[in-house]
Structures are given as structure tokens and as C-alpha cells.
């Protein structure tokens, strides 16, 4: 069952580091003001960042992170055994990595705006933000040729038998191409 945004937001207050907690709250306010979707964008990004903040613990703030290895060590904890879940490994790693990348882009570009005494969004727009070198991490790709299991693939005869039941020509053509 998916976690609601309110549940995720409540978890921010229970983070072990108050600096990280305040920074995540500020990031959430920024996402809300930009009109980001609650379920997909805000909630997924916050869950990944909260997990990373918990991984960092009480003594390390986001500002202390200077090396890629700090982030990759966290990402490596999220990789499952191939036997457990052969498909989702690359997908999960990529989603968490992109959430952390987005967050650090926001953090480092906000520091530049605040240092210059400007209002947020006045100079650095979302498209102009630079990605800090420490979060330029390559996504791990799955070693599988196809993202589908062998049992999910359809044989030619199965697809051809389905075509006669499809009422639209466009869909029939697509099925025939499969």
C-alpha cells in the first residue's frame, strides 16, 4: 500500500538531524510552490531523501556531503539480490538516485541564491540549476536484455490469436507488429 504524503511529511520531524530536517521541509515547500504533483513527485522524492537522511544519522548534515562515495554507499544499500528481485534493481536505484540528485541540485543552487541575497527563483530558475559533481552518478543498469520475465513474453501464435478480438484497426496493426 502506498504511503500518503502526510505520513511522509510527518516522518521529517523524526529525523535524527535537525539541520537535515529543516532543509527537507524547505525543499518540500519549494516543490509545493512549484506545483509538483503530490503523489508522484513530492512523495517519492521526500521518501528517498528521508531514507538518505536516516542513513546519514545524527552527526552528518547534507552540507557535509562532499564525495560521491557518501551517496553511492547509501545507494548500494538499496540494491537487492538478483534472486530476490531481478527486474527492480536498476529501476529502484535510478529512482532514488534521481531524487537525491534533484535535492542536491536544489540545495547547492539555493546556497548560491542566498549568498547573493536574492529571492528564491529570482536568478536561478529550475532549468538553470547546475548539478553538483558529487551527485553526477551513473545509474546502474540491469544486466537483463529485456525488463520482462520470460513468462510475460507472448509467442507469435498467441498474439495472432488475439488480433481477431480487437475491434480497432490501429490496435490490430500494433499487435501484428509485436
Protein backbone atom coordinates (compact mmCIF):
# COMPACT_ATOMS: atom_id res chain seq x y z
CA UNK A 1 0.00 0.00 0.00
CA UNK A 2 1.49 3.36 -0.99
CA UNK A 3 2.41 5.83 1.71
CA UNK A 4 0.38 9.04 1.82
CA UNK A 5 2.16 12.37 1.54
CA UNK A 6 1.00 13.41 5.03
CA UNK A 7 2.61 10.28 6.51
CA UNK A 8 5.85 11.03 4.69
CA UNK A 9 5.84 14.66 5.86
CA UNK A 10 5.31 13.53 9.48
CA UNK A 11 8.47 11.41 9.21
CA UNK A 12 10.55 14.53 8.51
CA UNK A 13 10.15 15.74 12.10
CA UNK A 14 11.51 12.44 13.47
CA UNK A 15 14.82 12.66 11.58
CA UNK A 16 17.91 12.38 13.81
CA UNK A 17 19.49 15.60 12.48
CA UNK A 18 17.53 18.86 12.86
CA UNK A 19 19.52 20.64 10.12
CA UNK A 20 18.62 17.96 7.61
CA UNK A 21 15.02 18.00 8.79
CA UNK A 22 14.74 21.77 8.27
CA UNK A 23 16.35 21.52 4.84
CA UNK A 24 13.95 18.78 3.73
CA UNK A 25 10.99 20.86 4.93
CA UNK A 26 12.27 23.83 2.92
CA UNK A 27 12.70 21.61 -0.14
CA UNK A 28 9.14 20.34 0.29
CA UNK A 29 7.82 23.91 0.42
CA UNK A 30 9.72 24.67 -2.77
CA UNK A 31 8.19 21.64 -4.52
CA UNK A 32 4.72 22.69 -3.35
CA UNK A 33 5.20 26.25 -4.59
CA UNK A 34 6.34 24.93 -7.98
CA UNK A 35 3.12 22.92 -8.29
CA UNK A 36 4.73 19.48 -8.19
CA UNK A 37 2.30 16.57 -8.07
CA UNK A 38 1.79 15.29 -4.54
CA UNK A 39 1.78 11.58 -5.13
CA UNK A 40 4.45 11.04 -7.72
CA UNK A 41 6.87 13.90 -7.38
CA UNK A 42 6.68 15.21 -3.83
CA UNK A 43 6.06 11.94 -2.01
CA UNK A 44 8.60 9.81 -3.92
CA UNK A 45 11.34 12.44 -3.65
CA UNK A 46 10.71 13.03 0.04
CA UNK A 47 10.74 9.30 0.83
CA UNK A 48 14.12 8.88 -0.87
CA UNK A 49 15.63 11.94 0.81
CA UNK A 50 14.29 10.94 4.25
CA UNK A 51 15.83 7.48 3.82
CA UNK A 52 19.15 9.11 2.91
CA UNK A 53 18.93 11.45 5.94
CA UNK A 54 18.30 8.45 8.21
CA UNK A 55 21.31 6.73 6.65
CA UNK A 56 23.48 9.77 7.43
CA UNK A 57 22.47 9.73 11.10
CA UNK A 58 22.82 12.47 13.70
CA UNK A 59 26.32 13.75 13.03
CA UNK A 60 26.29 14.34 9.26
CA UNK A 61 24.31 17.07 7.52
CA UNK A 62 23.63 17.31 3.82
CA UNK A 63 26.14 20.17 3.70
CA UNK A 64 28.87 17.82 4.95
CA UNK A 65 28.49 15.52 1.93
CA UNK A 66 31.45 16.24 -0.36
CA UNK A 67 32.16 12.94 -2.10
CA UNK A 68 30.18 10.69 -4.42
CA UNK A 69 31.09 7.76 -2.20
CA UNK A 70 28.83 9.10 0.58
CA UNK A 71 25.86 8.86 -1.77
CA UNK A 72 26.85 5.65 -3.56
CA UNK A 73 27.32 3.84 -0.24
CA UNK A 74 23.68 4.67 0.55
CA UNK A 75 22.50 3.64 -2.92
CA UNK A 76 24.34 0.33 -2.59
CA UNK A 77 22.29 -0.49 0.49
CA UNK A 78 19.15 -0.35 -1.66
CA UNK A 79 20.31 -2.96 -4.17
CA UNK A 80 18.66 -6.33 -3.70
CA UNK A 81 19.92 -9.77 -4.57
CA UNK A 82 19.30 -10.85 -8.16
CA UNK A 83 17.31 -13.81 -6.78
CA UNK A 84 15.08 -11.50 -4.71
CA UNK A 85 14.12 -9.10 -7.44
CA UNK A 86 15.94 -9.28 -10.78
CA UNK A 87 13.94 -6.56 -12.52
CA UNK A 88 13.51 -3.77 -9.99
CA UNK A 89 17.18 -3.37 -9.02
CA UNK A 90 18.10 -0.88 -11.73
CA UNK A 91 14.76 0.88 -11.55
CA UNK A 92 14.87 1.42 -7.79
CA UNK A 93 18.50 2.56 -7.87
CA UNK A 94 17.68 5.04 -10.64
CA UNK A 95 14.63 6.50 -8.92
CA UNK A 96 16.42 7.05 -5.62
CA UNK A 97 19.47 8.41 -7.41
CA UNK A 98 17.41 10.92 -9.39
CA UNK A 99 15.58 12.08 -6.23
CA UNK A 100 18.87 12.68 -4.43
CA UNK A 101 20.28 14.40 -7.50
CA UNK A 102 17.27 16.74 -7.68
CA UNK A 103 17.55 17.52 -3.97
CA UNK A 104 21.29 18.32 -4.09
CA UNK A 105 20.81 20.47 -7.20
CA UNK A 106 18.25 22.43 -5.23
CA UNK A 107 20.44 22.63 -2.08
CA UNK A 108 23.58 23.84 -3.85
CA UNK A 109 21.76 26.33 -6.06
CA UNK A 110 19.80 27.69 -3.09
CA UNK A 111 23.09 28.39 -1.30
CA UNK A 112 24.17 30.47 -4.32
CA UNK A 113 20.92 32.45 -4.30
CA UNK A 114 21.01 33.08 -0.54
CA UNK A 115 24.69 34.05 -0.64
CA UNK A 116 23.87 36.75 -3.18
CA UNK A 117 20.95 38.00 -1.07
CA UNK A 118 18.41 37.35 -3.81
CA UNK A 119 14.92 35.93 -3.55
CA UNK A 120 14.46 32.30 -4.49
CA UNK A 121 13.85 31.88 -8.20
CA UNK A 122 14.97 35.43 -8.99
CA UNK A 123 18.18 34.47 -10.79
CA UNK A 124 18.47 30.69 -10.85
CA UNK A 125 15.47 29.07 -12.44
CA UNK A 126 14.82 25.36 -12.22
CA UNK A 127 16.18 24.79 -15.72
CA UNK A 128 19.37 26.77 -15.00
CA UNK A 129 20.36 24.84 -11.89
CA UNK A 130 23.70 23.09 -12.09
CA UNK A 131 24.16 19.56 -10.87
CA UNK A 132 26.97 19.38 -8.31
CA UNK A 133 29.77 16.99 -9.22
CA UNK A 134 29.14 14.84 -6.16
CA UNK A 135 25.73 13.72 -7.44
CA UNK A 136 26.73 13.03 -11.03
CA UNK A 137 26.31 9.32 -10.50
CA UNK A 138 25.73 6.83 -13.28
CA UNK A 139 22.61 4.79 -12.86
CA UNK A 140 23.10 1.07 -12.50
CA UNK A 141 21.59 -0.75 -15.42
CA UNK A 142 20.01 -4.13 -15.24
CA UNK A 143 22.02 -6.91 -16.82
CA UNK A 144 18.85 -8.30 -18.34
CA UNK A 145 18.24 -7.88 -22.05
CA UNK A 146 14.53 -7.30 -21.51
CA UNK A 147 12.77 -5.82 -18.48
CA UNK A 148 10.16 -8.57 -18.77
CA UNK A 149 10.29 -12.06 -17.37
CA UNK A 150 10.28 -14.96 -19.82
CA UNK A 151 6.79 -15.93 -18.64
CA UNK A 152 5.45 -12.46 -19.51
CA UNK A 153 6.52 -12.64 -23.15
CA UNK A 154 3.93 -13.72 -25.72
CA UNK A 155 4.62 -16.06 -28.58
CA UNK A 156 3.74 -15.14 -32.15
CA UNK A 157 0.78 -17.56 -32.26
CA UNK A 158 -0.69 -16.08 -29.07
CA UNK A 159 -0.55 -12.54 -30.45
CA UNK A 160 -2.11 -13.56 -33.76
CA UNK A 161 -4.99 -15.28 -31.95
CA UNK A 162 -5.72 -12.06 -30.00
CA UNK A 163 -5.92 -9.87 -33.13
CA UNK A 164 -9.32 -11.16 -34.24
CA UNK A 165 -10.89 -9.95 -30.97
CA UNK A 166 -9.54 -6.39 -31.26
CA UNK A 167 -12.21 -4.03 -32.68
CA UNK A 168 -9.87 -1.21 -33.81
CA UNK A 169 -7.62 -1.46 -36.87
CA UNK A 170 -4.89 0.61 -35.27
CA UNK A 171 -4.64 -1.77 -32.33
CA UNK A 172 -4.74 -4.77 -34.68
CA UNK A 173 -1.79 -3.30 -36.57
CA UNK A 174 0.14 -2.75 -33.34
CA UNK A 175 -0.49 -6.31 -32.20
CA UNK A 176 0.60 -7.63 -35.58
CA UNK A 177 3.86 -5.71 -35.26
CA UNK A 178 4.54 -7.21 -31.85
